[in-house]
Amino acid sequence: MLCGSSEGLTRKLQGGGARYPYPKEVWSPAGGWWTRPSNWKTNTAIAFAGILTVAYGVFTISADKEKRTVQPIRPIPSMRWAKEYREQKDVA
């Protein structure tokens, strides 16, 4: 017969023991040991908004600087937002 409770034996066999002490002076960008931030939804929304803002800025600058040396034979999607074709559309 085994000594101790069956629950304690199960934890030892399955690795579900208590959390061990860890060094507090170690910093990790991921949050360190056993992190479960309560505001993960807010953090995710802020990161997503930042990514969208940067992507919109890059798209806007790219559309303003786009130049075609060879004109397309048929309409292409970037003609809708490229400055070169918007100006031609306004003149016509």
C-alpha atoms as a PDB file:
ATOM      1  CA  MET A   1       0.000   0.000   0.000  1.00  0.00           C
ATOM      2  CA  LEU A   2       1.208   3.513  -0.812  1.00  0.00           C
ATOM      3  CA  CYS A   3       1.790   6.084   1.866  1.00  0.00           C
ATOM      4  CA  GLY A   4      -0.062   9.418   1.650  1.00  0.00           C
ATOM      5  CA  SER A   5      -3.240  10.383  -0.085  1.00  0.00           C
ATOM      6  CA  SER A   6      -4.035   9.288  -3.592  1.00  0.00           C
ATOM      7  CA  GLU A   7      -4.483  12.946  -4.564  1.00  0.00           C
ATOM      8  CA  GLY A   8      -0.899  13.753  -3.582  1.00  0.00           C
ATOM      9  CA  LEU A   9       0.390  10.758  -5.522  1.00  0.00           C
ATOM     10  CA  THR A  10      -1.615  11.778  -8.589  1.00  0.00           C
ATOM     11  CA  ARG A  11      -0.160  15.305  -8.483  1.00  0.00           C
ATOM     12  CA  LYS A  12       3.360  13.945  -8.275  1.00  0.00           C
ATOM     13  CA  LEU A  13       2.794  11.534 -11.153  1.00  0.00           C
ATOM     14  CA  GLN A  14       1.102  14.072 -13.411  1.00  0.00           C
ATOM     15  CA  GLY A  15       3.300  17.043 -12.602  1.00  0.00           C
ATOM     16  CA  GLY A  16       0.569  19.155 -11.046  1.00  0.00           C
ATOM     17  CA  GLY A  17       2.520  20.060  -7.926  1.00  0.00           C
ATOM     18  CA  ALA A  18       2.701  23.416  -6.218  1.00  0.00           C
ATOM     19  CA  ARG A  19       4.280  26.374  -7.937  1.00  0.00           C
ATOM     20  CA  TYR A  20       7.941  26.584  -7.128  1.00  0.00           C
ATOM     21  CA  PRO A  21       9.704  29.757  -6.016  1.00  0.00           C
ATOM     22  CA  TYR A  22      11.241  31.757  -8.839  1.00  0.00           C
ATOM     23  CA  PRO A  23      13.603  34.742  -8.939  1.00  0.00           C
ATOM     24  CA  LYS A  24      11.671  38.009  -8.698  1.00  0.00           C
ATOM     25  CA  GLU A  25      14.461  40.107 -10.252  1.00  0.00           C
ATOM     26  CA  VAL A  26      14.202  38.379 -13.632  1.00  0.00           C
ATOM     27  CA  TRP A  27      12.203  40.427 -16.141  1.00  0.00           C
ATOM     28  CA  SER A  28      10.443  38.836 -19.089  1.00  0.00           C
ATOM     29  CA  PRO A  29       8.581  40.631 -21.894  1.00  0.00           C
ATOM     30  CA  ALA A  30       6.100  37.755 -21.934  1.00  0.00           C
ATOM     31  CA  GLY A  31       5.211  38.282 -18.278  1.00  0.00           C
ATOM     32  CA  GLY A  32       7.366  35.701 -16.565  1.00  0.00           C
ATOM     33  CA  TRP A  33       6.240  32.620 -14.728  1.00  0.00           C
ATOM     34  CA  TRP A  34       2.530  31.746 -14.515  1.00  0.00           C
ATOM     35  CA  THR A  35       1.254  34.965 -15.964  1.00  0.00           C
ATOM     36  CA  ARG A  36      -2.474  35.426 -16.443  1.00  0.00           C
ATOM     37  CA  PRO A  37      -3.087  39.148 -16.899  1.00  0.00           C
ATOM     38  CA  SER A  38      -6.624  40.088 -15.977  1.00  0.00           C
ATOM     39  CA  ASN A  39      -6.736  42.803 -18.637  1.00  0.00           C
ATOM     40  CA  TRP A  40      -5.656  40.685 -21.620  1.00  0.00           C
ATOM     41  CA  LYS A  41      -8.680  41.758 -23.664  1.00  0.00           C
ATOM     42  CA  THR A  42      -7.838  45.439 -23.205  1.00  0.00           C
ATOM     43  CA  ASN A  43      -4.179  44.810 -24.026  1.00  0.00           C
ATOM     44  CA  THR A  44      -5.175  42.919 -27.178  1.00  0.00           C
ATOM     45  CA  ALA A  45      -7.547  45.694 -28.283  1.00  0.00           C
ATOM     46  CA  ILE A  46      -4.876  48.365 -27.769  1.00  0.00           C
ATOM     47  CA  ALA A  47      -2.296  46.349 -29.725  1.00  0.00           C
ATOM     48  CA  PHE A  48      -4.792  45.704 -32.529  1.00  0.00           C
ATOM     49  CA  ALA A  49      -5.700  49.418 -32.720  1.00  0.00           C
ATOM     50  CA  GLY A  50      -2.006  50.315 -32.908  1.00  0.00           C
ATOM     51  CA  ILE A  51      -1.391  47.821 -35.697  1.00  0.00           C
ATOM     52  CA  LEU A  52      -4.399  49.135 -37.661  1.00  0.00           C
ATOM     53  CA  THR A  53      -3.221  52.740 -37.229  1.00  0.00           C
ATOM     54  CA  VAL A  54       0.251  51.956 -38.539  1.00  0.00           C
ATOM     55  CA  ALA A  55      -1.151  49.881 -41.420  1.00  0.00           C
ATOM     56  CA  TYR A  56      -3.514  52.721 -42.414  1.00  0.00           C
ATOM     57  CA  GLY A  57      -0.633  55.206 -42.372  1.00  0.00           C
ATOM     58  CA  VAL A  58       1.539  52.964 -44.553  1.00  0.00           C
ATOM     59  CA  PHE A  59      -1.362  52.376 -46.969  1.00  0.00           C
ATOM     60  CA  THR A  60      -2.082  56.111 -47.266  1.00  0.00           C
ATOM     61  CA  ILE A  61       1.540  57.041 -47.915  1.00  0.00           C
ATOM     62  CA  SER A  62       1.911  54.192 -50.397  1.00  0.00           C
ATOM     63  CA  ALA A  63      -1.223  55.223 -52.305  1.00  0.00           C
ATOM     64  CA  ASP A  64      -0.023  58.836 -52.497  1.00  0.00           C
ATOM     65  CA  LYS A  65       3.417  57.857 -53.822  1.00  0.00           C
ATOM     66  CA  GLU A  66       2.277  55.209 -56.295  1.00  0.00           C
ATOM     67  CA  LYS A  67       3.343  55.928 -59.875  1.00  0.00           C
ATOM     68  CA  ARG A  68       2.899  53.677 -62.883  1.00  0.00           C
ATOM     69  CA  THR A  69       5.480  53.968 -65.658  1.00  0.00           C
ATOM     70  CA  VAL A  70       3.473  51.615 -67.878  1.00  0.00           C
ATOM     71  CA  GLN A  71      -0.232  52.283 -67.855  1.00  0.00           C
ATOM     72  CA  PRO A  72      -2.417  49.215 -67.297  1.00  0.00           C
ATOM     73  CA  ILE A  73      -4.448  47.904 -70.218  1.00  0.00           C
ATOM     74  CA  ARG A  74      -7.497  47.222 -68.098  1.00  0.00           C
ATOM     75  CA  PRO A  75      -8.607  48.632 -64.730  1.00  0.00           C
ATOM     76  CA  ILE A  76      -6.767  47.346 -61.671  1.00  0.00           C
ATOM     77  CA  PRO A  77      -7.850  47.647 -58.021  1.00  0.00           C
ATOM     78  CA  SER A  78      -5.187  50.180 -57.024  1.00  0.00           C
ATOM     79  CA  MET A  79      -6.607  52.638 -59.554  1.00  0.00           C
ATOM     80  CA  ARG A  80      -9.413  53.317 -57.076  1.00  0.00           C
ATOM     81  CA  TRP A  81      -7.108  54.796 -54.443  1.00  0.00           C
ATOM     82  CA  ALA A  82      -3.887  55.804 -56.242  1.00  0.00           C
ATOM     83  CA  LYS A  83      -3.410  59.582 -56.383  1.00  0.00           C
ATOM     84  CA  GLU A  84      -2.349  59.418 -60.041  1.00  0.00           C
ATOM     85  CA  TYR A  85      -5.715  58.017 -61.148  1.00  0.00           C
ATOM     86  CA  ARG A  86      -7.854  60.027 -58.729  1.00  0.00           C
ATOM     87  CA  GLU A  87      -6.505  63.234 -60.284  1.00  0.00           C
ATOM     88  CA  GLN A  88      -7.253  62.008 -63.827  1.00  0.00           C
ATOM     89  CA  LYS A  89     -10.777  61.087 -62.766  1.00  0.00           C
ATOM     90  CA  ASP A  90     -11.366  64.586 -61.304  1.00  0.00           C
ATOM     91  CA  VAL A  91     -10.147  66.285 -64.515  1.00  0.00           C
ATOM     92  CA  ALA A  92     -12.275  64.152 -66.850  1.00  0.00           C
END
